[in-house]
Amino acid sequence: MNDIRFVVSPRIMGVEKFFGPGIAALLHRVEAYHSIRQATMSMGMAYSKAWAIIRRAERELGFPLLVTATGGKEGGGASLTEEGRAFLEQYDRFCALVNEHARADFETAFGRAPAPMPTKEQEDP
């Protein structure tokens, strides 16, 4: 058997799926860039799609994820609300726990550790 691995990507559900790896990556990039537009550009995501998934998550959670400032002389920007930051941290911890357990279950099922995930350089020739 060649190198095999697993992928687990938890989604959080309410009435509908509203939080998963995509929005988590978006929010992490908003924190890094302090800009929704820069975050979406870095991901190749449409700005309108980003707002749609943010709004859906905010509806399901019942609190805002972002604080935004309109551009102008001083420039705009975005950052996570305290609730948004706390939820993102909880989601990240949950994903780490799920993956930790999945790795152990993989080893039990297949009798060996999963292969490491390839780096971006290894995926793109």
PDB file of N, CA and C in Angstrom:
ATOM      1  N   MET A   1       0.856  -1.175   0.000  1.00  0.00           N
ATOM      2  CA  MET A   1       0.000   0.000   0.000  1.00  0.00           C
ATOM      3  C   MET A   1       0.898   1.233   0.000  1.00  0.00           C
ATOM      4  N   ASN A   2       0.622   2.173  -0.877  1.00  0.00           N
ATOM      5  CA  ASN A   2       1.380   3.418  -0.954  1.00  0.00           C
ATOM      6  C   ASN A   2       1.077   4.307   0.246  1.00  0.00           C
ATOM      7  N   ASP A   3       1.746   5.439   0.278  1.00  0.00           N
ATOM      8  CA  ASP A   3       1.468   6.414   1.332  1.00  0.00           C
ATOM      9  C   ASP A   3       0.012   6.848   1.238  1.00  0.00           C
ATOM     10  N   ILE A   4      -0.697   6.658   2.323  1.00  0.00           N
ATOM     11  CA  ILE A   4      -2.089   7.103   2.366  1.00  0.00           C
ATOM     12  C   ILE A   4      -2.289   8.005   3.564  1.00  0.00           C
ATOM     13  N   ARG A   5      -3.252   8.870   3.473  1.00  0.00           N
ATOM     14  CA  ARG A   5      -3.542   9.835   4.526  1.00  0.00           C
ATOM     15  C   ARG A   5      -5.044  10.034   4.580  1.00  0.00           C
ATOM     16  N   PHE A   6      -5.492  10.811   5.504  1.00  0.00           N
ATOM     17  CA  PHE A   6      -6.912  11.126   5.615  1.00  0.00           C
ATOM     18  C   PHE A   6      -7.074  12.638   5.687  1.00  0.00           C
ATOM     19  N   VAL A   7      -8.283  13.076   5.405  1.00  0.00           N
ATOM     20  CA  VAL A   7      -8.617  14.488   5.529  1.00  0.00           C
ATOM     21  C   VAL A   7      -9.944  14.566   6.277  1.00  0.00           C
ATOM     22  N   VAL A   8      -9.955  15.321   7.341  1.00  0.00           N
ATOM     23  CA  VAL A   8     -11.168  15.568   8.109  1.00  0.00           C
ATOM     24  C   VAL A   8     -11.374  17.080   8.093  1.00  0.00           C
ATOM     25  N   SER A   9     -12.548  17.506   7.663  1.00  0.00           N
ATOM     26  CA  SER A   9     -12.827  18.948   7.674  1.00  0.00           C
ATOM     27  C   SER A   9     -14.196  19.178   8.303  1.00  0.00           C
ATOM     28  N   PRO A  10     -14.199  19.416   9.608  1.00  0.00           N
ATOM     29  CA  PRO A  10     -15.449  19.590  10.338  1.00  0.00           C
ATOM     30  C   PRO A  10     -16.259  20.802   9.868  1.00  0.00           C
ATOM     31  N   ARG A  11     -17.558  20.602   9.803  1.00  0.00           N
ATOM     32  CA  ARG A  11     -18.509  21.670   9.506  1.00  0.00           C
ATOM     33  C   ARG A  11     -19.428  21.819  10.708  1.00  0.00           C
ATOM     34  N   ILE A  12     -19.757  23.056  11.041  1.00  0.00           N
ATOM     35  CA  ILE A  12     -20.680  23.330  12.128  1.00  0.00           C
ATOM     36  C   ILE A  12     -22.039  23.623  11.501  1.00  0.00           C
ATOM     37  N   MET A  13     -23.058  22.970  12.023  1.00  0.00           N
ATOM     38  CA  MET A  13     -24.410  23.074  11.459  1.00  0.00           C
ATOM     39  C   MET A  13     -25.345  23.771  12.433  1.00  0.00           C
ATOM     40  N   GLY A  14     -26.240  24.535  11.890  1.00  0.00           N
ATOM     41  CA  GLY A  14     -27.381  25.087  12.605  1.00  0.00           C
ATOM     42  C   GLY A  14     -28.582  24.638  11.798  1.00  0.00           C
ATOM     43  N   VAL A  15     -29.370  25.574  11.338  1.00  0.00           N
ATOM     44  CA  VAL A  15     -30.438  25.253  10.386  1.00  0.00           C
ATOM     45  C   VAL A  15     -29.791  24.764   9.095  1.00  0.00           C
ATOM     46  N   GLU A  16     -28.658  25.334   8.755  1.00  0.00           N
ATOM     47  CA  GLU A  16     -27.878  24.921   7.594  1.00  0.00           C
ATOM     48  C   GLU A  16     -26.397  24.940   7.987  1.00  0.00           C
ATOM     49  N   LYS A  17     -25.554  24.383   7.098  1.00  0.00           N
ATOM     50  CA  LYS A  17     -24.110  24.442   7.351  1.00  0.00           C
ATOM     51  C   LYS A  17     -23.710  25.909   7.344  1.00  0.00           C
ATOM     52  N   PHE A  18     -22.970  26.331   8.375  1.00  0.00           N
ATOM     53  CA  PHE A  18     -22.601  27.737   8.409  1.00  0.00           C
ATOM     54  C   PHE A  18     -21.152  28.007   8.772  1.00  0.00           C
ATOM     55  N   PHE A  19     -20.411  27.002   9.184  1.00  0.00           N
ATOM     56  CA  PHE A  19     -19.034  27.268   9.563  1.00  0.00           C
ATOM     57  C   PHE A  19     -18.192  26.043   9.274  1.00  0.00           C
ATOM     58  N   GLY A  20     -17.092  26.259   8.573  1.00  0.00           N
ATOM     59  CA  GLY A  20     -16.190  25.164   8.240  1.00  0.00           C
ATOM     60  C   GLY A  20     -14.817  25.723   7.899  1.00  0.00           C
ATOM     61  N   PRO A  21     -14.000  24.923   7.239  1.00  0.00           N
ATOM     62  CA  PRO A  21     -12.624  25.336   6.964  1.00  0.00           C
ATOM     63  C   PRO A  21     -12.516  26.587   6.092  1.00  0.00           C
ATOM     64  N   GLY A  22     -13.453  26.786   5.181  1.00  0.00           N
ATOM     65  CA  GLY A  22     -13.388  27.947   4.291  1.00  0.00           C
ATOM     66  C   GLY A  22     -13.562  29.261   5.025  1.00  0.00           C
ATOM     67  N   ILE A  23     -14.622  29.366   5.820  1.00  0.00           N
ATOM     68  CA  ILE A  23     -14.842  30.618   6.558  1.00  0.00           C
ATOM     69  C   ILE A  23     -13.788  30.791   7.645  1.00  0.00           C
ATOM     70  N   ALA A  24     -13.310  29.699   8.217  1.00  0.00           N
ATOM     71  CA  ALA A  24     -12.242  29.810   9.217  1.00  0.00           C
ATOM     72  C   ALA A  24     -10.990  30.409   8.573  1.00  0.00           C
ATOM     73  N   ALA A  25     -10.634  29.918   7.380  1.00  0.00           N
ATOM     74  CA  ALA A  25      -9.465  30.464   6.678  1.00  0.00           C
ATOM     75  C   ALA A  25      -9.684  31.933   6.336  1.00  0.00           C
ATOM     76  N   LEU A  26     -10.887  32.273   5.908  1.00  0.00           N
ATOM     77  CA  LEU A  26     -11.207  33.670   5.595  1.00  0.00           C
ATOM     78  C   LEU A  26     -11.020  34.559   6.826  1.00  0.00           C
ATOM     79  N   LEU A  27     -11.560  34.135   7.954  1.00  0.00           N
ATOM     80  CA  LEU A  27     -11.453  34.945   9.170  1.00  0.00           C
ATOM     81  C   LEU A  27     -10.011  35.071   9.648  1.00  0.00           C
ATOM     82  N   HIS A  28      -9.239  34.005   9.526  1.00  0.00           N
ATOM     83  CA  HIS A  28      -7.815  34.091   9.893  1.00  0.00           C
ATOM     84  C   HIS A  28      -7.100  35.119   9.000  1.00  0.00           C
ATOM     85  N   ARG A  29      -7.452  35.141   7.728  1.00  0.00           N
ATOM     86  CA  ARG A  29      -6.816  36.094   6.818  1.00  0.00           C
ATOM     87  C   ARG A  29      -7.299  37.517   7.061  1.00  0.00           C
ATOM     88  N   VAL A  30      -8.557  37.680   7.438  1.00  0.00           N
ATOM     89  CA  VAL A  30      -9.034  39.020   7.804  1.00  0.00           C
ATOM     90  C   VAL A  30      -8.209  39.532   8.980  1.00  0.00           C
ATOM     91  N   GLU A  31      -7.956  38.682   9.940  1.00  0.00           N
ATOM     92  CA  GLU A  31      -7.132  39.079  11.081  1.00  0.00           C
ATOM     93  C   GLU A  31      -5.711  39.436  10.639  1.00  0.00           C
ATOM     94  N   ALA A  32      -5.174  38.686   9.712  1.00  0.00           N
ATOM     95  CA  ALA A  32      -3.805  38.934   9.256  1.00  0.00           C
ATOM     96  C   ALA A  32      -3.699  40.220   8.428  1.00  0.00           C
ATOM     97  N   TYR A  33      -4.664  40.439   7.532  1.00  0.00           N
ATOM     98  CA  TYR A  33      -4.616  41.581   6.617  1.00  0.00           C
ATOM     99  C   TYR A  33      -5.390  42.803   7.118  1.00  0.00           C
ATOM    100  N   HIS A  34      -6.245  42.619   8.105  1.00  0.00           N
ATOM    101  CA  HIS A  34      -7.131  43.691   8.583  1.00  0.00           C
ATOM    102  C   HIS A  34      -7.977  44.243   7.442  1.00  0.00           C
ATOM    103  N   SER A  35      -8.337  43.342   6.518  1.00  0.00           N
ATOM    104  CA  SER A  35      -9.093  43.743   5.335  1.00  0.00           C
ATOM    105  C   SER A  35      -9.824  42.533   4.767  1.00  0.00           C
ATOM    106  N   ILE A  36     -11.116  42.691   4.551  1.00  0.00           N
ATOM    107  CA  ILE A  36     -11.877  41.613   3.919  1.00  0.00           C
ATOM    108  C   ILE A  36     -11.456  41.486   2.461  1.00  0.00           C
ATOM    109  N   ARG A  37     -11.295  42.603   1.785  1.00  0.00           N
ATOM    110  CA  ARG A  37     -10.908  42.559   0.374  1.00  0.00           C
ATOM    111  C   ARG A  37      -9.554  41.856   0.195  1.00  0.00           C
ATOM    112  N   GLN A  38      -8.563  42.208   1.003  1.00  0.00           N
ATOM    113  CA  GLN A  38      -7.249  41.560   0.903  1.00  0.00           C
ATOM    114  C   GLN A  38      -7.353  40.068   1.229  1.00  0.00           C
ATOM    115  N   ALA A  39      -8.165  39.737   2.225  1.00  0.00           N
ATOM    116  CA  ALA A  39      -8.339  38.327   2.592  1.00  0.00           C
ATOM    117  C   ALA A  39      -8.934  37.543   1.433  1.00  0.00           C
ATOM    118  N   THR A  40      -9.968  38.094   0.800  1.00  0.00           N
ATOM    119  CA  THR A  40     -10.605  37.386  -0.311  1.00  0.00           C
ATOM    120  C   THR A  40      -9.669  37.284  -1.502  1.00  0.00           C
ATOM    121  N   MET A  41      -8.928  38.340  -1.772  1.00  0.00           N
ATOM    122  CA  MET A  41      -7.980  38.301  -2.898  1.00  0.00           C
ATOM    123  C   MET A  41      -6.923  37.232  -2.673  1.00  0.00           C
ATOM    124  N   SER A  42      -6.448  37.102  -1.443  1.00  0.00           N
ATOM    125  CA  SER A  42      -5.405  36.119  -1.155  1.00  0.00           C
ATOM    126  C   SER A  42      -5.913  34.682  -1.299  1.00  0.00           C
ATOM    127  N   MET A  43      -7.247  34.524  -1.219  1.00  0.00           N
ATOM    128  CA  MET A  43      -7.847  33.196  -1.328  1.00  0.00           C
ATOM    129  C   MET A  43      -8.436  32.925  -2.710  1.00  0.00           C
ATOM    130  N   GLY A  44      -8.484  33.947  -3.554  1.00  0.00           N
ATOM    131  CA  GLY A  44      -9.146  33.787  -4.843  1.00  0.00           C
ATOM    132  C   GLY A  44     -10.660  33.671  -4.683  1.00  0.00           C
ATOM    133  N   MET A  45     -11.194  34.305  -3.651  1.00  0.00           N
ATOM    134  CA  MET A  45     -12.628  34.231  -3.360  1.00  0.00           C
ATOM    135  C   MET A  45     -13.279  35.543  -3.755  1.00  0.00           C
ATOM    136  N   ALA A  46     -14.484  35.477  -4.272  1.00  0.00           N
ATOM    137  CA  ALA A  46     -15.230  36.685  -4.599  1.00  0.00           C
ATOM    138  C   ALA A  46     -15.612  37.414  -3.304  1.00  0.00           C
ATOM    139  N   TYR A  47     -15.473  38.722  -3.336  1.00  0.00           N
ATOM    140  CA  TYR A  47     -15.812  39.566  -2.194  1.00  0.00           C
ATOM    141  C   TYR A  47     -17.268  39.351  -1.788  1.00  0.00           C
ATOM    142  N   SER A  48     -18.155  39.259  -2.767  1.00  0.00           N
ATOM    143  CA  SER A  48     -19.586  39.059  -2.484  1.00  0.00           C
ATOM    144  C   SER A  48     -19.836  37.705  -1.827  1.00  0.00           C
ATOM    145  N   LYS A  49     -19.090  36.691  -2.245  1.00  0.00           N
ATOM    146  CA  LYS A  49     -19.242  35.360  -1.626  1.00  0.00           C
ATOM    147  C   LYS A  49     -18.792  35.409  -0.172  1.00  0.00           C
ATOM    148  N   ALA A  50     -17.704  36.116   0.088  1.00  0.00           N
ATOM    149  CA  ALA A  50     -17.207  36.230   1.465  1.00  0.00           C
ATOM    150  C   ALA A  50     -18.283  36.833   2.356  1.00  0.00           C
ATOM    151  N   TRP A  51     -18.905  37.923   1.893  1.00  0.00           N
ATOM    152  CA  TRP A  51     -19.943  38.556   2.696  1.00  0.00           C
ATOM    153  C   TRP A  51     -21.142  37.638   2.878  1.00  0.00           C
ATOM    154  N   ALA A  52     -21.476  36.865   1.861  1.00  0.00           N
ATOM    155  CA  ALA A  52     -22.614  35.940   1.976  1.00  0.00           C
ATOM    156  C   ALA A  52     -22.350  34.885   3.047  1.00  0.00           C
ATOM    157  N   ILE A  53     -21.151  34.313   3.079  1.00  0.00           N
ATOM    158  CA  ILE A  53     -20.882  33.273   4.075  1.00  0.00           C
ATOM    159  C   ILE A  53     -20.721  33.870   5.464  1.00  0.00           C
ATOM    160  N   ILE A  54     -20.186  35.086   5.539  1.00  0.00           N
ATOM    161  CA  ILE A  54     -20.077  35.758   6.844  1.00  0.00           C
ATOM    162  C   ILE A  54     -21.468  36.048   7.389  1.00  0.00           C
ATOM    163  N   ARG A  55     -22.345  36.585   6.562  1.00  0.00           N
ATOM    164  CA  ARG A  55     -23.710  36.906   7.018  1.00  0.00           C
ATOM    165  C   ARG A  55     -24.472  35.653   7.462  1.00  0.00           C
ATOM    166  N   ARG A  56     -24.327  34.558   6.700  1.00  0.00           N
ATOM    167  CA  ARG A  56     -25.007  33.311   7.078  1.00  0.00           C
ATOM    168  C   ARG A  56     -24.504  32.833   8.438  1.00  0.00           C
ATOM    169  N   ALA A  57     -23.194  32.866   8.651  1.00  0.00           N
ATOM    170  CA  ALA A  57     -22.631  32.446   9.938  1.00  0.00           C
ATOM    171  C   ALA A  57     -23.114  33.348  11.065  1.00  0.00           C
ATOM    172  N   GLU A  58     -23.142  34.641  10.823  1.00  0.00           N
ATOM    173  CA  GLU A  58     -23.601  35.572  11.853  1.00  0.00           C
ATOM    174  C   GLU A  58     -25.076  35.326  12.200  1.00  0.00           C
ATOM    175  N   ARG A  59     -25.896  35.039  11.187  1.00  0.00           N
ATOM    176  CA  ARG A  59     -27.315  34.709  11.448  1.00  0.00           C
ATOM    177  C   ARG A  59     -27.431  33.480  12.331  1.00  0.00           C
ATOM    178  N   GLU A  60     -26.690  32.444  11.997  1.00  0.00           N
ATOM    179  CA  GLU A  60     -26.759  31.190  12.754  1.00  0.00           C
ATOM    180  C   GLU A  60     -26.208  31.347  14.170  1.00  0.00           C
ATOM    181  N   LEU A  61     -25.132  32.108  14.313  1.00  0.00           N
ATOM    182  CA  LEU A  61     -24.500  32.281  15.621  1.00  0.00           C
ATOM    183  C   LEU A  61     -25.242  33.277  16.499  1.00  0.00           C
ATOM    184  N   GLY A  62     -25.877  34.251  15.879  1.00  0.00           N
ATOM    185  CA  GLY A  62     -26.584  35.263  16.651  1.00  0.00           C
ATOM    186  C   GLY A  62     -25.704  36.395  17.138  1.00  0.00           C
ATOM    187  N   PHE A  63     -24.511  36.528  16.583  1.00  0.00           N
ATOM    188  CA  PHE A  63     -23.632  37.649  16.913  1.00  0.00           C
ATOM    189  C   PHE A  63     -22.747  37.966  15.714  1.00  0.00           C
ATOM    190  N   PRO A  64     -22.260  39.214  15.647  1.00  0.00           N
ATOM    191  CA  PRO A  64     -21.389  39.596  14.527  1.00  0.00           C
ATOM    192  C   PRO A  64     -19.997  38.967  14.674  1.00  0.00           C
ATOM    193  N   LEU A  65     -19.439  38.596  13.548  1.00  0.00           N
ATOM    194  CA  LEU A  65     -18.080  38.060  13.529  1.00  0.00           C
ATOM    195  C   LEU A  65     -17.046  39.157  13.299  1.00  0.00           C
ATOM    196  N   LEU A  66     -17.441  40.196  12.575  1.00  0.00           N
ATOM    197  CA  LEU A  66     -16.502  41.241  12.180  1.00  0.00           C
ATOM    198  C   LEU A  66     -16.953  42.626  12.592  1.00  0.00           C
ATOM    199  N   VAL A  67     -15.970  43.474  12.789  1.00  0.00           N
ATOM    200  CA  VAL A  67     -16.170  44.913  12.934  1.00  0.00           C
ATOM    201  C   VAL A  67     -15.486  45.514  11.719  1.00  0.00           C
ATOM    202  N   THR A  68     -16.210  46.374  10.992  1.00  0.00           N
ATOM    203  CA  THR A  68     -15.628  46.970   9.794  1.00  0.00           C
ATOM    204  C   THR A  68     -15.644  48.487   9.893  1.00  0.00           C
ATOM    205  N   ALA A  69     -14.706  49.082   9.184  1.00  0.00           N
ATOM    206  CA  ALA A  69     -14.644  50.541   9.071  1.00  0.00           C
ATOM    207  C   ALA A  69     -14.602  50.864   7.586  1.00  0.00           C
ATOM    208  N   THR A  70     -15.448  51.776   7.166  1.00  0.00           N
ATOM    209  CA  THR A  70     -15.502  52.167   5.765  1.00  0.00           C
ATOM    210  C   THR A  70     -14.224  52.904   5.389  1.00  0.00           C
ATOM    211  N   GLY A  71     -13.794  52.711   4.141  1.00  0.00           N
ATOM    212  CA  GLY A  71     -12.591  53.381   3.656  1.00  0.00           C
ATOM    213  C   GLY A  71     -12.765  54.886   3.612  1.00  0.00           C
ATOM    214  N   GLY A  72     -11.752  55.560   3.212  1.00  0.00           N
ATOM    215  CA  GLY A  72     -11.761  57.018   3.164  1.00  0.00           C
ATOM    216  C   GLY A  72     -10.353  57.522   3.377  1.00  0.00           C
ATOM    217  N   LYS A  73     -10.245  58.723   3.893  1.00  0.00           N
ATOM    218  CA  LYS A  73      -8.928  59.328   4.101  1.00  0.00           C
ATOM    219  C   LYS A  73      -8.036  58.461   4.977  1.00  0.00           C
ATOM    220  N   GLU A  74      -8.597  57.925   6.055  1.00  0.00           N
ATOM    221  CA  GLU A  74      -7.837  57.082   6.977  1.00  0.00           C
ATOM    222  C   GLU A  74      -7.809  55.622   6.527  1.00  0.00           C
ATOM    223  N   GLY A  75      -8.586  55.276   5.511  1.00  0.00           N
ATOM    224  CA  GLY A  75      -8.654  53.898   5.042  1.00  0.00           C
ATOM    225  C   GLY A  75      -9.635  53.095   5.862  1.00  0.00           C
ATOM    226  N   GLY A  76     -10.100  51.998   5.307  1.00  0.00           N
ATOM    227  CA  GLY A  76     -11.049  51.136   6.000  1.00  0.00           C
ATOM    228  C   GLY A  76     -10.317  50.020   6.695  1.00  0.00           C
ATOM    229  N   GLY A  77     -11.062  49.021   7.025  1.00  0.00           N
ATOM    230  CA  GLY A  77     -10.442  47.871   7.657  1.00  0.00           C
ATOM    231  C   GLY A  77     -11.474  46.964   8.269  1.00  0.00           C
ATOM    232  N   ALA A  78     -11.015  45.846   8.726  1.00  0.00           N
ATOM    233  CA  ALA A  78     -11.892  44.867   9.365  1.00  0.00           C
ATOM    234  C   ALA A  78     -11.094  44.093  10.400  1.00  0.00           C
ATOM    235  N   SER A  79     -11.795  43.681  11.433  1.00  0.00           N
ATOM    236  CA  SER A  79     -11.193  42.818  12.448  1.00  0.00           C
ATOM    237  C   SER A  79     -12.294  41.964  13.051  1.00  0.00           C
ATOM    238  N   LEU A  80     -11.896  40.923  13.723  1.00  0.00           N
ATOM    239  CA  LEU A  80     -12.870  40.052  14.371  1.00  0.00           C
ATOM    240  C   LEU A  80     -13.390  40.704  15.646  1.00  0.00           C
ATOM    241  N   THR A  81     -14.668  40.485  15.913  1.00  0.00           N
ATOM    242  CA  THR A  81     -15.224  40.888  17.200  1.00  0.00           C
ATOM    243  C   THR A  81     -14.664  39.942  18.256  1.00  0.00           C
ATOM    244  N   GLU A  82     -14.831  40.285  19.505  1.00  0.00           N
ATOM    245  CA  GLU A  82     -14.378  39.389  20.574  1.00  0.00           C
ATOM    246  C   GLU A  82     -15.087  38.039  20.471  1.00  0.00           C
ATOM    247  N   GLU A  83     -16.397  38.082  20.206  1.00  0.00           N
ATOM    248  CA  GLU A  83     -17.163  36.828  20.058  1.00  0.00           C
ATOM    249  C   GLU A  83     -16.668  36.045  18.849  1.00  0.00           C
ATOM    250  N   GLY A  84     -16.387  36.759  17.760  1.00  0.00           N
ATOM    251  CA  GLY A  84     -15.891  36.109  16.549  1.00  0.00           C
ATOM    252  C   GLY A  84     -14.546  35.451  16.770  1.00  0.00           C
ATOM    253  N   ARG A  85     -13.657  36.159  17.446  1.00  0.00           N
ATOM    254  CA  ARG A  85     -12.322  35.607  17.738  1.00  0.00           C
ATOM    255  C   ARG A  85     -12.440  34.379  18.642  1.00  0.00           C
ATOM    256  N   ALA A  86     -13.304  34.473  19.663  1.00  0.00           N
ATOM    257  CA  ALA A  86     -13.488  33.342  20.588  1.00  0.00           C
ATOM    258  C   ALA A  86     -14.058  32.138  19.850  1.00  0.00           C
ATOM    259  N   PHE A  87     -15.047  32.358  18.969  1.00  0.00           N
ATOM    260  CA  PHE A  87     -15.636  31.233  18.235  1.00  0.00           C
ATOM    261  C   PHE A  87     -14.613  30.607  17.294  1.00  0.00           C
ATOM    262  N   LEU A  88     -13.818  31.430  16.616  1.00  0.00           N
ATOM    263  CA  LEU A  88     -12.796  30.908  15.717  1.00  0.00           C
ATOM    264  C   LEU A  88     -11.769  30.086  16.498  1.00  0.00           C
ATOM    265  N   GLU A  89     -11.382  30.546  17.668  1.00  0.00           N
ATOM    266  CA  GLU A  89     -10.448  29.785  18.499  1.00  0.00           C
ATOM    267  C   GLU A  89     -11.066  28.464  18.938  1.00  0.00           C
ATOM    268  N   GLN A  90     -12.350  28.477  19.297  1.00  0.00           N
ATOM    269  CA  GLN A  90     -13.039  27.239  19.675  1.00  0.00           C
ATOM    270  C   GLN A  90     -13.084  26.273  18.496  1.00  0.00           C
ATOM    271  N   TYR A  91     -13.397  26.789  17.319  1.00  0.00           N
ATOM    272  CA  TYR A  91     -13.441  25.942  16.117  1.00  0.00           C
ATOM    273  C   TYR A  91     -12.058  25.340  15.844  1.00  0.00           C
ATOM    274  N   ASP A  92     -11.011  26.148  15.938  1.00  0.00           N
ATOM    275  CA  ASP A  92      -9.650  25.642  15.708  1.00  0.00           C
ATOM    276  C   ASP A  92      -9.295  24.549  16.715  1.00  0.00           C
ATOM    277  N   ARG A  93      -9.658  24.752  17.990  1.00  0.00           N
ATOM    278  CA  ARG A  93      -9.390  23.717  19.009  1.00  0.00           C
ATOM    279  C   ARG A  93     -10.174  22.448  18.688  1.00  0.00           C
ATOM    280  N   PHE A  94     -11.442  22.604  18.301  1.00  0.00           N
ATOM    281  CA  PHE A  94     -12.275  21.458  17.948  1.00  0.00           C
ATOM    282  C   PHE A  94     -11.648  20.678  16.785  1.00  0.00           C
ATOM    283  N   CYS A  95     -11.200  21.389  15.751  1.00  0.00           N
ATOM    284  CA  CYS A  95     -10.575  20.720  14.608  1.00  0.00           C
ATOM    285  C   CYS A  95      -9.327  19.956  15.026  1.00  0.00           C
ATOM    286  N   ALA A  96      -8.523  20.554  15.901  1.00  0.00           N
ATOM    287  CA  ALA A  96      -7.310  19.875  16.385  1.00  0.00           C
ATOM    288  C   ALA A  96      -7.674  18.597  17.133  1.00  0.00           C
ATOM    289  N   LEU A  97      -8.700  18.659  17.973  1.00  0.00           N
ATOM    290  CA  LEU A  97      -9.133  17.470  18.717  1.00  0.00           C
ATOM    291  C   LEU A  97      -9.671  16.393  17.778  1.00  0.00           C
ATOM    292  N   VAL A  98     -10.487  16.796  16.810  1.00  0.00           N
ATOM    293  CA  VAL A  98     -11.046  15.834  15.845  1.00  0.00           C
ATOM    294  C   VAL A  98      -9.915  15.160  15.086  1.00  0.00           C
ATOM    295  N   ASN A  99      -8.945  15.935  14.634  1.00  0.00           N
ATOM    296  CA  ASN A  99      -7.835  15.362  13.876  1.00  0.00           C
ATOM    297  C   ASN A  99      -6.947  14.466  14.734  1.00  0.00           C
ATOM    298  N   GLU A 100      -6.776  14.834  15.995  1.00  0.00           N
ATOM    299  CA  GLU A 100      -5.994  14.003  16.917  1.00  0.00           C
ATOM    300  C   GLU A 100      -6.663  12.633  17.084  1.00  0.00           C
ATOM    301  N   HIS A 101      -7.967  12.646  17.291  1.00  0.00           N
ATOM    302  CA  HIS A 101      -8.703  11.386  17.439  1.00  0.00           C
ATOM    303  C   HIS A 101      -8.747  10.613  16.125  1.00  0.00           C
ATOM    304  N   ALA A 102      -8.918  11.319  15.013  1.00  0.00           N
ATOM    305  CA  ALA A 102      -8.965  10.658  13.708  1.00  0.00           C
ATOM    306  C   ALA A 102      -7.631   9.984  13.393  1.00  0.00           C
ATOM    307  N   ARG A 103      -6.535  10.630  13.780  1.00  0.00           N
ATOM    308  CA  ARG A 103      -5.222  10.027  13.541  1.00  0.00           C
ATOM    309  C   ARG A 103      -5.090   8.706  14.307  1.00  0.00           C
ATOM    310  N   ALA A 104      -5.518   8.707  15.556  1.00  0.00           N
ATOM    311  CA  ALA A 104      -5.469   7.477  16.353  1.00  0.00           C
ATOM    312  C   ALA A 104      -6.378   6.411  15.742  1.00  0.00           C
ATOM    313  N   ASP A 105      -7.556   6.805  15.297  1.00  0.00           N
ATOM    314  CA  ASP A 105      -8.480   5.848  14.676  1.00  0.00           C
ATOM    315  C   ASP A 105      -7.922   5.327  13.354  1.00  0.00           C
ATOM    316  N   PHE A 106      -7.232   6.170  12.603  1.00  0.00           N
ATOM    317  CA  PHE A 106      -6.593   5.757  11.361  1.00  0.00           C
ATOM    318  C   PHE A 106      -5.556   4.677  11.651  1.00  0.00           C
ATOM    319  N   GLU A 107      -4.738   4.924  12.666  1.00  0.00           N
ATOM    320  CA  GLU A 107      -3.703   3.956  13.028  1.00  0.00           C
ATOM    321  C   GLU A 107      -4.315   2.630  13.455  1.00  0.00           C
ATOM    322  N   THR A 108      -5.429   2.684  14.193  1.00  0.00           N
ATOM    323  CA  THR A 108      -6.111   1.458  14.602  1.00  0.00           C
ATOM    324  C   THR A 108      -6.669   0.727  13.386  1.00  0.00           C
ATOM    325  N   ALA A 109      -7.302   1.450  12.495  1.00  0.00           N
ATOM    326  CA  ALA A 109      -7.940   0.834  11.328  1.00  0.00           C
ATOM    327  C   ALA A 109      -6.931   0.290  10.317  1.00  0.00           C
ATOM    328  N   PHE A 110      -5.848   1.036  10.078  1.00  0.00           N
ATOM    329  CA  PHE A 110      -4.909   0.660   9.022  1.00  0.00           C
ATOM    330  C   PHE A 110      -3.605   0.070   9.541  1.00  0.00           C
ATOM    331  N   GLY A 111      -3.414   0.082  10.856  1.00  0.00           N
ATOM    332  CA  GLY A 111      -2.212  -0.513  11.427  1.00  0.00           C
ATOM    333  C   GLY A 111      -0.953   0.289  11.202  1.00  0.00           C
ATOM    334  N   ARG A 112      -1.098   1.533  10.857  1.00  0.00           N
ATOM    335  CA  ARG A 112       0.074   2.389  10.660  1.00  0.00           C
ATOM    336  C   ARG A 112      -0.352   3.847  10.686  1.00  0.00           C
ATOM    337  N   ALA A 113       0.629   4.707  10.882  1.00  0.00           N
ATOM    338  CA  ALA A 113       0.357   6.143  10.902  1.00  0.00           C
ATOM    339  C   ALA A 113       0.062   6.630   9.490  1.00  0.00           C
ATOM    340  N   PRO A 114      -0.772   7.650   9.367  1.00  0.00           N
ATOM    341  CA  PRO A 114      -1.016   8.206   8.045  1.00  0.00           C
ATOM    342  C   PRO A 114       0.219   8.926   7.513  1.00  0.00           C
ATOM    343  N   ALA A 115       0.343   8.980   6.205  1.00  0.00           N
ATOM    344  CA  ALA A 115       1.436   9.731   5.589  1.00  0.00           C
ATOM    345  C   ALA A 115       1.238  11.209   5.897  1.00  0.00           C
ATOM    346  N   PRO A 116       2.310  11.958   5.965  1.00  0.00           N
ATOM    347  CA  PRO A 116       2.156  13.405   6.193  1.00  0.00           C
ATOM    348  C   PRO A 116       1.481  14.056   4.988  1.00  0.00           C
ATOM    349  N   MET A 117       0.789  15.149   5.254  1.00  0.00           N
ATOM    350  CA  MET A 117       0.161  15.897   4.172  1.00  0.00           C
ATOM    351  C   MET A 117       1.255  16.543   3.336  1.00  0.00           C
ATOM    352  N   PRO A 118       1.106  16.524   2.009  1.00  0.00           N
ATOM    353  CA  PRO A 118       2.126  17.161   1.172  1.00  0.00           C
ATOM    354  C   PRO A 118       2.102  18.678   1.389  1.00  0.00           C
ATOM    355  N   THR A 119       3.250  19.284   1.237  1.00  0.00           N
ATOM    356  CA  THR A 119       3.305  20.742   1.319  1.00  0.00           C
ATOM    357  C   THR A 119       2.804  21.312   0.011  1.00  0.00           C
ATOM    358  N   LYS A 120       2.518  22.586  -0.016  1.00  0.00           N
ATOM    359  CA  LYS A 120       2.037  23.251  -1.237  1.00  0.00           C
ATOM    360  C   LYS A 120       3.024  23.060  -2.373  1.00  0.00           C
ATOM    361  N   GLU A 121       4.324  23.131  -2.085  1.00  0.00           N
ATOM    362  CA  GLU A 121       5.344  22.972  -3.117  1.00  0.00           C
ATOM    363  C   GLU A 121       5.300  21.568  -3.717  1.00  0.00           C
ATOM    364  N   GLN A 122       4.988  20.548  -2.890  1.00  0.00           N
ATOM    365  CA  GLN A 122       4.919  19.186  -3.380  1.00  0.00           C
ATOM    366  C   GLN A 122       3.683  18.958  -4.236  1.00  0.00           C
ATOM    367  N   GLU A 123       2.597  19.696  -3.963  1.00  0.00           N
ATOM    368  CA  GLU A 123       1.354  19.540  -4.725  1.00  0.00           C
ATOM    369  C   GLU A 123       1.445  20.205  -6.085  1.00  0.00           C
ATOM    370  N   ASP A 124       2.095  21.364  -6.169  1.00  0.00           N
ATOM    371  CA  ASP A 124       2.164  22.138  -7.402  1.00  0.00           C
ATOM    372  C   ASP A 124       3.511  21.944  -8.058  1.00  0.00           C
ATOM    373  N   PRO A 125       3.573  21.147  -9.149  1.00  0.00           N
ATOM    374  CA  PRO A 125       4.865  20.942  -9.811  1.00  0.00           C
ATOM    375  C   PRO A 125       5.363  22.197 -10.499  1.00  0.00           C
TER     376      PRO A 125
END
